[in-house]
Protein backbone atom coordinates (compact mmCIF):
# COMPACT_ATOMS: atom_id res chain seq x y z
CA UNK A 1 201.33 136.03 146.84
CA UNK A 2 203.36 135.29 143.77
CA UNK A 3 202.63 138.50 141.86
CA UNK A 4 200.74 141.70 142.57
CA UNK A 5 198.80 143.15 139.65
CA UNK A 6 197.23 145.86 141.80
CA UNK A 7 199.59 148.64 140.57
CA UNK A 8 198.80 147.68 136.96
CA UNK A 9 195.03 147.31 137.38
CA UNK A 10 194.49 150.32 139.68
CA UNK A 11 194.87 153.01 136.97
CA UNK A 12 192.53 151.10 134.64
CA UNK A 13 189.88 150.56 137.32
CA UNK A 14 190.26 154.18 138.47
CA UNK A 15 189.52 155.62 135.02
CA UNK A 16 186.59 153.26 134.40
CA UNK A 17 185.17 153.74 137.89
CA UNK A 18 185.31 157.53 137.67
CA UNK A 19 183.63 157.50 134.26
CA UNK A 20 180.86 155.10 135.30
CA UNK A 21 180.13 156.18 138.90
CA UNK A 22 181.44 159.78 138.96
CA UNK A 23 182.28 159.72 142.67
CA UNK A 24 182.75 162.87 144.72
CA UNK A 25 185.98 162.39 146.69
CA UNK A 26 186.46 164.59 149.74
CA UNK A 27 189.86 165.09 151.42
CA UNK A 28 191.81 162.47 149.47
CA UNK A 29 194.93 164.59 150.12
CA UNK A 30 194.72 163.42 153.76
CA UNK A 31 195.90 159.93 152.73
CA UNK A 32 199.66 159.92 153.45
CA UNK A 33 201.83 159.26 150.39
CA UNK A 34 204.39 157.32 152.44
CA UNK A 35 204.53 155.32 155.64
CA UNK A 36 202.36 152.55 157.02
CA UNK A 37 198.63 153.23 157.08
CA UNK A 38 195.44 151.33 157.70
CA UNK A 39 192.49 152.53 155.65
CA UNK A 40 189.36 151.65 157.64
CA UNK A 41 185.76 152.43 156.75
CA UNK A 42 182.19 151.33 156.32
CA UNK A 43 181.14 148.56 153.95
CA UNK A 44 177.81 148.36 152.09
CA UNK A 45 178.69 147.28 148.55
CA UNK A 46 181.00 144.86 146.73
CA UNK A 47 182.58 147.83 144.91
CA UNK A 48 183.69 149.55 148.13
CA UNK A 49 187.34 148.38 147.81
CA UNK A 50 187.51 149.98 144.36
CA UNK A 51 185.95 153.18 145.76
CA UNK A 52 188.73 153.62 148.28
CA UNK A 53 191.33 152.36 145.79
CA UNK A 54 190.63 155.27 143.43
CA UNK A 55 191.52 157.73 146.21
CA UNK A 56 195.23 156.91 146.33
CA UNK A 57 197.99 155.70 144.02
CA UNK A 58 199.35 153.51 146.80
CA UNK A 59 198.88 149.75 146.67
CA UNK A 60 196.23 148.70 149.19
CA UNK A 61 196.23 145.15 150.51
CA UNK A 62 192.62 144.55 151.49
CA UNK A 63 191.60 141.93 154.00
CA UNK A 64 188.82 139.88 152.41
CA UNK A 65 186.70 137.05 153.74
CA UNK A 66 187.93 133.58 152.85
CA UNK A 67 184.63 132.72 151.15
CA UNK A 68 185.51 135.06 148.27
CA UNK A 69 188.49 132.87 147.34
CA UNK A 70 186.45 130.08 145.75
CA UNK A 71 187.24 128.78 142.26
CA UNK A 72 188.62 131.23 139.73
CA UNK A 73 188.13 134.11 142.19
CA UNK A 74 191.14 132.81 144.12
CA UNK A 75 193.48 133.71 141.24
CA UNK A 76 192.13 137.26 140.95
CA UNK A 77 192.16 138.00 144.68
CA UNK A 78 195.64 136.54 145.01
CA UNK A 79 196.99 138.55 142.07
CA UNK A 80 195.68 141.86 143.43
CA UNK A 81 197.30 141.24 146.80
CA UNK A 82 194.31 140.70 149.08
CA UNK A 83 194.72 138.79 152.33
CA UNK A 84 192.16 136.06 153.16
CA UNK A 85 190.40 136.19 156.53
CA UNK A 86 188.60 133.22 158.07
CA UNK A 87 186.03 134.57 160.53
CA UNK A 88 186.11 131.30 162.48
CA UNK A 89 189.88 130.96 162.99
CA UNK A 90 192.78 132.98 164.39
CA UNK A 91 194.29 133.84 160.97
CA UNK A 92 197.87 133.83 162.27
CA UNK A 93 199.37 133.70 158.77
CA UNK A 94 197.22 136.58 157.46
CA UNK A 95 197.86 138.65 160.59
CA UNK A 96 201.59 138.03 160.21
CA UNK A 97 201.56 139.04 156.53
CA UNK A 98 199.53 142.18 157.22
CA UNK A 99 201.78 143.27 160.08
CA UNK A 100 204.87 142.59 157.96
CA UNK A 101 203.46 144.82 155.19
CA UNK A 102 202.71 147.57 157.70
CA UNK A 103 206.14 147.28 159.31
CA UNK A 104 207.59 147.76 155.82
CA UNK A 105 205.58 150.95 155.25
CA UNK A 106 202.68 149.37 153.36
CA UNK A 107 198.94 149.99 153.24
CA UNK A 108 196.22 147.70 154.55
CA UNK A 109 192.51 148.17 153.78
CA UNK A 110 189.99 146.93 156.34
CA UNK A 111 186.25 147.10 156.72
CA UNK A 112 185.94 146.82 160.53
CA UNK A 113 182.29 145.75 160.31
CA UNK A 114 183.66 142.42 159.08
CA UNK A 115 181.00 142.02 156.40
CA UNK A 116 178.77 144.12 154.19
CA UNK A 117 176.17 146.04 156.15
CA UNK A 118 172.79 145.15 154.66
CA UNK A 119 170.81 146.73 157.50
CA UNK A 120 169.31 150.19 157.98
CA UNK A 121 171.85 150.90 160.75
CA UNK A 122 174.62 153.33 159.91
CA UNK A 123 177.26 150.82 161.06
CA UNK A 124 177.47 147.25 162.34
CA UNK A 125 179.50 146.57 165.51
CA UNK A 126 183.22 146.76 164.75
CA UNK A 127 185.75 143.94 164.90
CA UNK A 128 189.02 144.96 166.54
CA UNK A 129 191.47 144.08 163.73
CA UNK A 130 192.10 147.61 162.43
CA UNK A 131 193.02 149.07 165.82
CA UNK A 132 195.02 145.97 166.77
CA UNK A 133 197.12 146.27 163.60
CA UNK A 134 197.60 149.99 164.26
CA UNK A 135 198.71 149.42 167.85
CA UNK A 136 201.01 146.48 167.03
CA UNK A 137 202.77 148.28 164.17
CA UNK A 138 202.51 151.95 165.24
CA UNK A 139 200.69 152.64 161.96
CA UNK A 140 198.37 155.52 161.21
CA UNK A 141 194.67 154.81 160.83
CA UNK A 142 192.96 156.72 158.04
CA UNK A 143 189.18 156.51 158.52
CA UNK A 144 186.88 156.82 155.53
CA UNK A 145 183.18 156.71 154.71
CA UNK A 146 181.42 155.70 151.52
CA UNK A 147 177.95 157.17 151.22
CA UNK A 148 175.31 157.45 148.53
CA UNK A 149 174.60 154.85 145.90
CA UNK A 150 176.41 153.17 143.03
CA UNK A 151 174.27 154.56 140.20
CA UNK A 152 175.69 154.55 136.71
CA UNK A 153 176.48 158.06 135.40
CA UNK A 154 174.58 159.68 138.30
CA UNK A 155 177.10 161.38 140.67
CA UNK A 156 175.35 159.88 143.69
CA UNK A 157 178.43 158.39 145.39
CA UNK A 158 180.64 160.20 147.91
CA UNK A 159 183.91 158.99 149.45
CA UNK A 160 185.05 161.02 152.46
CA UNK A 161 188.52 160.62 153.94
CA UNK A 162 189.08 161.50 157.60
CA UNK A 163 192.18 162.80 159.35
CA UNK A 164 194.91 160.18 159.93
CA UNK A 165 195.64 159.45 163.57
CA UNK A 166 197.53 157.04 165.83
CA UNK A 167 195.97 154.78 168.42
CA UNK A 168 198.64 155.74 170.95
CA UNK A 169 198.19 154.42 174.48
CA UNK A 170 194.47 153.75 174.18
CA UNK A 171 193.29 150.24 175.00
CA UNK A 172 192.02 148.18 172.06
CA UNK A 173 188.45 148.64 173.29
CA UNK A 174 188.73 152.43 173.60
CA UNK A 175 190.58 152.69 170.27
CA UNK A 176 187.91 150.60 168.54
CA UNK A 177 185.13 152.82 169.91
CA UNK A 178 187.00 155.94 168.74
CA UNK A 179 187.41 154.50 165.24
CA UNK A 180 183.73 153.62 165.08
CA UNK A 181 182.79 157.15 166.21
CA UNK A 182 185.06 158.73 163.60
CA UNK A 183 183.60 156.66 160.76
CA UNK A 184 180.06 157.20 162.06
CA UNK A 185 180.63 160.96 161.95
CA UNK A 186 182.15 160.81 158.46
CA UNK A 187 179.06 158.99 157.23
CA UNK A 188 176.97 161.79 158.69
CA UNK A 189 179.13 164.38 156.98
CA UNK A 190 180.87 165.71 160.08
CA UNK A 191 184.66 165.54 160.28
CA UNK A 192 185.94 164.57 163.70
């Protein structure tokens, strides 16, 4: 990444997003202002990264599927500091960059479902990246849920932030199930 425009674009997108979609944001004060964190939540819409981005002034480096980096999109995604993920490869470089950011006190954004959920199910099965990053870097996980719809000027969108926590000594499998349960409960409106 040669340059990161995220800190410049975030305030602009935040103002526009709040005017257009009027989201209800619950518990945004739970997002730590310092230290390494992994923001992990459900994914139903292309605007979900902006939804979570308006909840904190911190720069979030989202992991995004490699397919989004085609043509002119590559320049935009590179300039806002996203990290490309190839679902079919090991992604050693991206994993290394993400862990380096976390070890330096940064913020990573991950949608553990691995893709947008276009089904009627509350969540798709989770990939293990979020909990692996948390375990490898001793970072906090901050679960979140985005519910409602993106309706212009309608106040039908809610972003709920859950309590930050550490994976601790849990196995990756157990930690992944816990994360999925926490996000599932946030979607349902219950804090866990």
